[in-house]
Amino acid sequence: IGNLKTGDRVVTNAGIHGLISNVKETTVLVKVADNVKIEMDKSAITNVLKEA
């Protein structure tokens, strides 16, 4: 989780699935739907999904 990058598909500790659109020092911006982005702490990311 320490090396999150733009474009990663992730799951948060609340079960929200999304795509990282921006990485900051302690937070990430996660796109969860068209025109909907949520800024959250990096610690809220529990899983990075692997592409098939």
PDB file of N, CA and C in Angstrom:
ATOM      1  N   ILE A   1       0.833  -1.195   0.000  1.00  0.00           N
ATOM      2  CA  ILE A   1       0.000   0.000   0.000  1.00  0.00           C
ATOM      3  C   ILE A   1       0.878   1.259   0.000  1.00  0.00           C
ATOM      4  N   GLY A   2       2.109   1.129   0.408  1.00  0.00           N
ATOM      5  CA  GLY A   2       2.989   2.285   0.494  1.00  0.00           C
ATOM      6  C   GLY A   2       3.355   2.904  -0.840  1.00  0.00           C
ATOM      7  N   ASN A   3       3.207   2.166  -1.926  1.00  0.00           N
ATOM      8  CA  ASN A   3       3.595   2.695  -3.233  1.00  0.00           C
ATOM      9  C   ASN A   3       2.388   2.827  -4.160  1.00  0.00           C
ATOM     10  N   LEU A   4       1.346   3.493  -3.681  1.00  0.00           N
ATOM     11  CA  LEU A   4       0.150   3.733  -4.491  1.00  0.00           C
ATOM     12  C   LEU A   4       0.491   4.692  -5.621  1.00  0.00           C
ATOM     13  N   LYS A   5      -0.149   4.469  -6.776  1.00  0.00           N
ATOM     14  CA  LYS A   5       0.104   5.357  -7.908  1.00  0.00           C
ATOM     15  C   LYS A   5      -1.186   5.609  -8.678  1.00  0.00           C
ATOM     16  N   THR A   6      -1.196   6.681  -9.429  1.00  0.00           N
ATOM     17  CA  THR A   6      -2.338   7.030 -10.260  1.00  0.00           C
ATOM     18  C   THR A   6      -2.655   5.872 -11.201  1.00  0.00           C
ATOM     19  N   GLY A   7      -3.938   5.538 -11.288  1.00  0.00           N
ATOM     20  CA  GLY A   7      -4.373   4.448 -12.156  1.00  0.00           C
ATOM     21  C   GLY A   7      -4.596   3.133 -11.438  1.00  0.00           C
ATOM     22  N   ASP A   8      -4.131   3.018 -10.185  1.00  0.00           N
ATOM     23  CA  ASP A   8      -4.359   1.787  -9.422  1.00  0.00           C
ATOM     24  C   ASP A   8      -5.838   1.632  -9.093  1.00  0.00           C
ATOM     25  N   ARG A   9      -6.341   0.413  -9.234  1.00  0.00           N
ATOM     26  CA  ARG A   9      -7.703   0.093  -8.780  1.00  0.00           C
ATOM     27  C   ARG A   9      -7.581  -0.376  -7.339  1.00  0.00           C
ATOM     28  N   VAL A  10      -8.377   0.235  -6.452  1.00  0.00           N
ATOM     29  CA  VAL A  10      -8.226  -0.028  -5.023  1.00  0.00           C
ATOM     30  C   VAL A  10      -9.566  -0.309  -4.359  1.00  0.00           C
ATOM     31  N   VAL A  11      -9.471  -0.890  -3.150  1.00  0.00           N
ATOM     32  CA  VAL A  11     -10.624  -1.088  -2.280  1.00  0.00           C
ATOM     33  C   VAL A  11     -10.271  -0.443  -0.946  1.00  0.00           C
ATOM     34  N   THR A  12     -11.227   0.309  -0.379  1.00  0.00           N
ATOM     35  CA  THR A  12     -10.988   0.971   0.903  1.00  0.00           C
ATOM     36  C   THR A  12     -11.486   0.102   2.049  1.00  0.00           C
ATOM     37  N   ASN A  13     -11.152   0.515   3.274  1.00  0.00           N
ATOM     38  CA  ASN A  13     -11.602  -0.236   4.442  1.00  0.00           C
ATOM     39  C   ASN A  13     -13.120  -0.158   4.624  1.00  0.00           C
ATOM     40  N   ALA A  14     -13.785   0.735   3.894  1.00  0.00           N
ATOM     41  CA  ALA A  14     -15.246   0.822   3.934  1.00  0.00           C
ATOM     42  C   ALA A  14     -15.886   0.008   2.809  1.00  0.00           C
ATOM     43  N   GLY A  15     -15.053  -0.663   2.000  1.00  0.00           N
ATOM     44  CA  GLY A  15     -15.575  -1.483   0.916  1.00  0.00           C
ATOM     45  C   GLY A  15     -15.828  -0.725  -0.372  1.00  0.00           C
ATOM     46  N   ILE A  16     -15.339   0.505  -0.460  1.00  0.00           N
ATOM     47  CA  ILE A  16     -15.528   1.317  -1.666  1.00  0.00           C
ATOM     48  C   ILE A  16     -14.464   0.940  -2.689  1.00  0.00           C
ATOM     49  N   HIS A  17     -14.906   0.651  -3.909  1.00  0.00           N
ATOM     50  CA  HIS A  17     -13.997   0.334  -5.008  1.00  0.00           C
ATOM     51  C   HIS A  17     -13.827   1.577  -5.862  1.00  0.00           C
ATOM     52  N   GLY A  18     -12.598   1.842  -6.287  1.00  0.00           N
ATOM     53  CA  GLY A  18     -12.374   3.009  -7.122  1.00  0.00           C
ATOM     54  C   GLY A  18     -11.025   2.983  -7.798  1.00  0.00           C
ATOM     55  N   LEU A  19     -10.740   4.064  -8.500  1.00  0.00           N
ATOM     56  CA  LEU A  19      -9.519   4.227  -9.273  1.00  0.00           C
ATOM     57  C   LEU A  19      -8.791   5.463  -8.760  1.00  0.00           C
ATOM     58  N   ILE A  20      -7.524   5.314  -8.405  1.00  0.00           N
ATOM     59  CA  ILE A  20      -6.766   6.455  -7.891  1.00  0.00           C
ATOM     60  C   ILE A  20      -6.514   7.441  -9.028  1.00  0.00           C
ATOM     61  N   SER A  21      -6.911   8.696  -8.808  1.00  0.00           N
ATOM     62  CA  SER A  21      -6.702   9.720  -9.829  1.00  0.00           C
ATOM     63  C   SER A  21      -5.618  10.713  -9.438  1.00  0.00           C
ATOM     64  N   ASN A  22      -5.221  10.728  -8.153  1.00  0.00           N
ATOM     65  CA  ASN A  22      -4.150  11.621  -7.709  1.00  0.00           C
ATOM     66  C   ASN A  22      -3.600  11.103  -6.385  1.00  0.00           C
ATOM     67  N   VAL A  23      -2.285  11.188  -6.220  1.00  0.00           N
ATOM     68  CA  VAL A  23      -1.634  10.763  -4.982  1.00  0.00           C
ATOM     69  C   VAL A  23      -0.943  11.969  -4.371  1.00  0.00           C
ATOM     70  N   LYS A  24      -1.257  12.249  -3.105  1.00  0.00           N
ATOM     71  CA  LYS A  24      -0.614  13.337  -2.371  1.00  0.00           C
ATOM     72  C   LYS A  24       0.251  12.723  -1.273  1.00  0.00           C
ATOM     73  N   GLU A  25       0.806  13.552  -0.414  1.00  0.00           N
ATOM     74  CA  GLU A  25       1.723  13.054   0.612  1.00  0.00           C
ATOM     75  C   GLU A  25       1.060  12.057   1.560  1.00  0.00           C
ATOM     76  N   THR A  26      -0.110  12.399   2.088  1.00  0.00           N
ATOM     77  CA  THR A  26      -0.773  11.509   3.052  1.00  0.00           C
ATOM     78  C   THR A  26      -2.161  11.070   2.605  1.00  0.00           C
ATOM     79  N   THR A  27      -2.634  11.583   1.467  1.00  0.00           N
ATOM     80  CA  THR A  27      -3.974  11.246   0.994  1.00  0.00           C
ATOM     81  C   THR A  27      -3.948  10.829  -0.473  1.00  0.00           C
ATOM     82  N   VAL A  28      -5.058  10.241  -0.904  1.00  0.00           N
ATOM     83  CA  VAL A  28      -5.248   9.908  -2.317  1.00  0.00           C
ATOM     84  C   VAL A  28      -6.624  10.397  -2.740  1.00  0.00           C
ATOM     85  N   LEU A  29      -6.769  10.696  -4.020  1.00  0.00           N
ATOM     86  CA  LEU A  29      -8.051  11.062  -4.597  1.00  0.00           C
ATOM     87  C   LEU A  29      -8.531   9.847  -5.377  1.00  0.00           C
ATOM     88  N   VAL A  30      -9.685   9.297  -4.971  1.00  0.00           N
ATOM     89  CA  VAL A  30     -10.200   8.065  -5.561  1.00  0.00           C
ATOM     90  C   VAL A  30     -11.463   8.373  -6.353  1.00  0.00           C
ATOM     91  N   LYS A  31     -11.446   8.020  -7.635  1.00  0.00           N
ATOM     92  CA  LYS A  31     -12.624   8.190  -8.494  1.00  0.00           C
ATOM     93  C   LYS A  31     -13.524   6.986  -8.281  1.00  0.00           C
ATOM     94  N   VAL A  32     -14.770   7.238  -7.855  1.00  0.00           N
ATOM     95  CA  VAL A  32     -15.704   6.148  -7.580  1.00  0.00           C
ATOM     96  C   VAL A  32     -16.840   6.079  -8.594  1.00  0.00           C
ATOM     97  N   ALA A  33     -17.029   7.137  -9.380  1.00  0.00           N
ATOM     98  CA  ALA A  33     -18.042   7.185 -10.436  1.00  0.00           C
ATOM     99  C   ALA A  33     -17.697   8.363 -11.340  1.00  0.00           C
ATOM    100  N   ASP A  34     -18.401   8.500 -12.441  1.00  0.00           N
ATOM    101  CA  ASP A  34     -18.161   9.641 -13.318  1.00  0.00           C
ATOM    102  C   ASP A  34     -18.361  10.934 -12.542  1.00  0.00           C
ATOM    103  N   ASN A  35     -17.367  11.804 -12.580  1.00  0.00           N
ATOM    104  CA  ASN A  35     -17.405  13.108 -11.913  1.00  0.00           C
ATOM    105  C   ASN A  35     -17.555  13.020 -10.397  1.00  0.00           C
ATOM    106  N   VAL A  36     -17.186  11.880  -9.799  1.00  0.00           N
ATOM    107  CA  VAL A  36     -17.250  11.728  -8.342  1.00  0.00           C
ATOM    108  C   VAL A  36     -15.900  11.229  -7.842  1.00  0.00           C
ATOM    109  N   LYS A  37     -15.207  12.089  -7.074  1.00  0.00           N
ATOM    110  CA  LYS A  37     -13.911  11.731  -6.503  1.00  0.00           C
ATOM    111  C   LYS A  37     -13.954  11.989  -5.008  1.00  0.00           C
ATOM    112  N   ILE A  38     -13.320  11.094  -4.250  1.00  0.00           N
ATOM    113  CA  ILE A  38     -13.283  11.203  -2.794  1.00  0.00           C
ATOM    114  C   ILE A  38     -11.827  11.276  -2.364  1.00  0.00           C
ATOM    115  N   GLU A  39     -11.492  12.283  -1.552  1.00  0.00           N
ATOM    116  CA  GLU A  39     -10.145  12.352  -0.993  1.00  0.00           C
ATOM    117  C   GLU A  39     -10.149  11.608   0.333  1.00  0.00           C
ATOM    118  N   MET A  40      -9.203  10.689   0.492  1.00  0.00           N
ATOM    119  CA  MET A  40      -9.136   9.910   1.729  1.00  0.00           C
ATOM    120  C   MET A  40      -7.693   9.649   2.116  1.00  0.00           C
ATOM    121  N   ASP A  41      -7.495   9.322   3.382  1.00  0.00           N
ATOM    122  CA  ASP A  41      -6.160   8.984   3.866  1.00  0.00           C
ATOM    123  C   ASP A  41      -5.664   7.729   3.169  1.00  0.00           C
ATOM    124  N   LYS A  42      -4.366   7.676   2.932  1.00  0.00           N
ATOM    125  CA  LYS A  42      -3.778   6.479   2.327  1.00  0.00           C
ATOM    126  C   LYS A  42      -4.035   5.249   3.189  1.00  0.00           C
ATOM    127  N   SER A  43      -4.120   5.437   4.497  1.00  0.00           N
ATOM    128  CA  SER A  43      -4.335   4.306   5.401  1.00  0.00           C
ATOM    129  C   SER A  43      -5.709   3.662   5.211  1.00  0.00           C
ATOM    130  N   ALA A  44      -6.631   4.343   4.525  1.00  0.00           N
ATOM    131  CA  ALA A  44      -7.959   3.782   4.275  1.00  0.00           C
ATOM    132  C   ALA A  44      -7.944   2.767   3.137  1.00  0.00           C
ATOM    133  N   ILE A  45      -6.864   2.727   2.362  1.00  0.00           N
ATOM    134  CA  ILE A  45      -6.762   1.772   1.260  1.00  0.00           C
ATOM    135  C   ILE A  45      -6.311   0.430   1.827  1.00  0.00           C
ATOM    136  N   THR A  46      -7.138  -0.593   1.630  1.00  0.00           N
ATOM    137  CA  THR A  46      -6.805  -1.906   2.184  1.00  0.00           C
ATOM    138  C   THR A  46      -6.313  -2.888   1.139  1.00  0.00           C
ATOM    139  N   ASN A  47      -6.624  -2.638  -0.137  1.00  0.00           N
ATOM    140  CA  ASN A  47      -6.240  -3.596  -1.162  1.00  0.00           C
ATOM    141  C   ASN A  47      -6.055  -2.890  -2.496  1.00  0.00           C
ATOM    142  N   VAL A  48      -5.007  -3.275  -3.212  1.00  0.00           N
ATOM    143  CA  VAL A  48      -4.805  -2.820  -4.585  1.00  0.00           C
ATOM    144  C   VAL A  48      -5.120  -4.011  -5.472  1.00  0.00           C
ATOM    145  N   LEU A  49      -6.090  -3.842  -6.369  1.00  0.00           N
ATOM    146  CA  LEU A  49      -6.520  -4.944  -7.224  1.00  0.00           C
ATOM    147  C   LEU A  49      -5.577  -5.098  -8.401  1.00  0.00           C
ATOM    148  N   LYS A  50      -5.280  -6.319  -8.739  1.00  0.00           N
ATOM    149  CA  LYS A  50      -4.408  -6.609  -9.879  1.00  0.00           C
ATOM    150  C   LYS A  50      -5.243  -6.649 -11.151  1.00  0.00           C
ATOM    151  N   GLU A  51      -4.671  -6.128 -12.223  1.00  0.00           N
ATOM    152  CA  GLU A  51      -5.355  -6.187 -13.516  1.00  0.00           C
ATOM    153  C   GLU A  51      -5.294  -7.609 -14.054  1.00  0.00           C
ATOM    154  N   ALA A  52      -6.326  -8.023 -14.761  1.00  0.00           N
ATOM    155  CA  ALA A  52      -6.382  -9.386 -15.316  1.00  0.00           C
ATOM    156  C   ALA A  52      -5.466  -9.522 -16.511  1.00  0.00           C
TER     157      ALA A  52
END
